[in-house]
Amino acid sequence: MTKLEEQEIETLESTINELSYATFKYPEVEHSDANETINHLQDVDVPIEIVFGKKKLPIVDFLKLKTGSVITLDKLLCEPVDLEAGGKPVA
């Protein structure tokens, strides 16, 4: 592993360690119907993803991938990661 790769990994590790998660607070609502709706929404699972980068590959290139293949992403290791909820960026 090169010195540059080691530095990028260290930077990535420190970025991951610095991630903080938002605390969601539900607004106070006076109507009991609205409170019931909010209570139902609290049980909904939302997939959360941390995206380090993306890459579009033609199928022919995808089929050539094997263990150990390297894919160059659209972001550098030193750039912040994206947080997506339900496939939509939130941070």
Protein backbone atom coordinates (compact mmCIF):
# COMPACT_ATOMS: atom_id res chain seq x y z
CA MET A 1 0.00 0.00 0.00
CA THR A 2 1.41 3.40 -0.96
CA LYS A 3 1.84 6.29 1.44
CA LEU A 4 -0.90 8.22 -0.41
CA GLU A 5 -3.34 5.30 -0.04
CA GLU A 6 -2.52 5.06 3.68
CA GLN A 7 -3.19 8.80 4.09
CA GLU A 8 -6.49 8.52 2.21
CA ILE A 9 -7.56 5.61 4.43
CA GLU A 10 -6.64 7.59 7.57
CA THR A 11 -8.62 10.57 6.27
CA LEU A 12 -11.60 8.34 5.51
CA GLU A 13 -11.45 6.76 8.97
CA SER A 14 -11.36 10.17 10.65
CA THR A 15 -14.28 11.36 8.48
CA ILE A 16 -16.33 8.33 9.49
CA ASN A 17 -15.49 8.91 13.15
CA GLU A 18 -16.67 12.53 12.86
CA LEU A 19 -20.11 11.62 11.48
CA SER A 20 -22.91 12.81 13.69
CA TYR A 21 -26.53 11.85 13.48
CA ALA A 22 -29.40 14.30 13.58
CA THR A 23 -31.97 13.95 16.33
CA PHE A 24 -35.46 14.13 14.95
CA LYS A 25 -38.11 15.77 17.09
CA TYR A 26 -41.75 15.45 16.22
CA PRO A 27 -43.80 18.65 16.50
CA GLU A 28 -46.43 18.99 19.17
CA VAL A 29 -49.90 18.56 17.68
CA GLU A 30 -53.17 19.23 19.45
CA HIS A 31 -55.44 16.96 17.43
CA SER A 32 -55.58 13.33 18.53
CA ASP A 33 -55.93 12.16 14.88
CA ALA A 34 -52.69 13.88 13.97
CA ASN A 35 -50.94 12.38 17.00
CA GLU A 36 -52.14 8.93 15.96
CA THR A 37 -50.79 9.47 12.43
CA ILE A 38 -47.40 10.53 13.77
CA ASN A 39 -47.32 7.49 16.06
CA HIS A 40 -47.92 5.22 13.05
CA LEU A 41 -45.13 6.94 11.09
CA GLN A 42 -42.65 6.25 13.89
CA ASP A 43 -42.90 2.55 13.08
CA VAL A 44 -42.01 2.99 9.39
CA ASP A 45 -38.58 1.63 8.44
CA VAL A 46 -36.53 3.92 6.22
CA PRO A 47 -33.37 2.54 4.61
CA ILE A 48 -30.35 4.71 5.46
CA GLU A 49 -27.26 4.62 3.26
CA ILE A 50 -23.83 6.22 3.59
CA VAL A 51 -22.56 6.85 0.06
CA PHE A 52 -18.80 7.12 -0.42
CA GLY A 53 -19.13 7.66 -4.18
CA LYS A 54 -20.85 6.42 -7.31
CA LYS A 55 -19.83 5.01 -10.66
CA LYS A 56 -21.78 4.06 -13.79
CA LEU A 57 -20.38 1.05 -15.63
CA PRO A 58 -21.44 -0.49 -18.90
CA ILE A 59 -22.65 -4.07 -18.42
CA VAL A 60 -19.65 -5.43 -20.32
CA ASP A 61 -17.27 -3.75 -17.82
CA PHE A 62 -19.40 -4.85 -14.86
CA LEU A 63 -19.20 -8.47 -16.00
CA LYS A 64 -15.39 -8.23 -16.11
CA LEU A 65 -15.19 -7.34 -12.38
CA LYS A 66 -13.67 -9.94 -10.09
CA THR A 67 -12.40 -10.10 -6.53
CA GLY A 68 -9.76 -7.41 -6.09
CA SER A 69 -10.99 -5.23 -8.96
CA VAL A 70 -10.65 -1.50 -8.30
CA ILE A 71 -13.47 0.85 -9.23
CA THR A 72 -12.71 4.58 -9.35
CA LEU A 73 -15.59 6.52 -7.79
CA ASP A 74 -16.70 10.09 -8.49
CA LYS A 75 -15.43 11.35 -5.11
CA LEU A 76 -12.07 11.45 -3.40
CA LEU A 77 -11.55 9.75 -0.03
CA CYS A 78 -11.02 13.15 1.61
CA GLU A 79 -14.46 14.44 0.50
CA PRO A 80 -17.46 14.19 2.84
CA VAL A 81 -19.74 11.21 2.42
CA ASP A 82 -23.42 11.55 1.50
CA LEU A 83 -26.19 10.36 3.80
CA GLU A 84 -29.31 9.14 2.00
CA ALA A 85 -32.65 8.14 3.47
CA GLY A 86 -35.01 6.23 1.23
CA GLY A 87 -32.74 6.95 -1.74
CA LYS A 88 -32.94 10.74 -1.22
CA PRO A 89 -29.96 12.80 -0.02
CA VAL A 90 -30.43 14.24 3.48
CA ALA A 91 -26.89 15.27 4.43
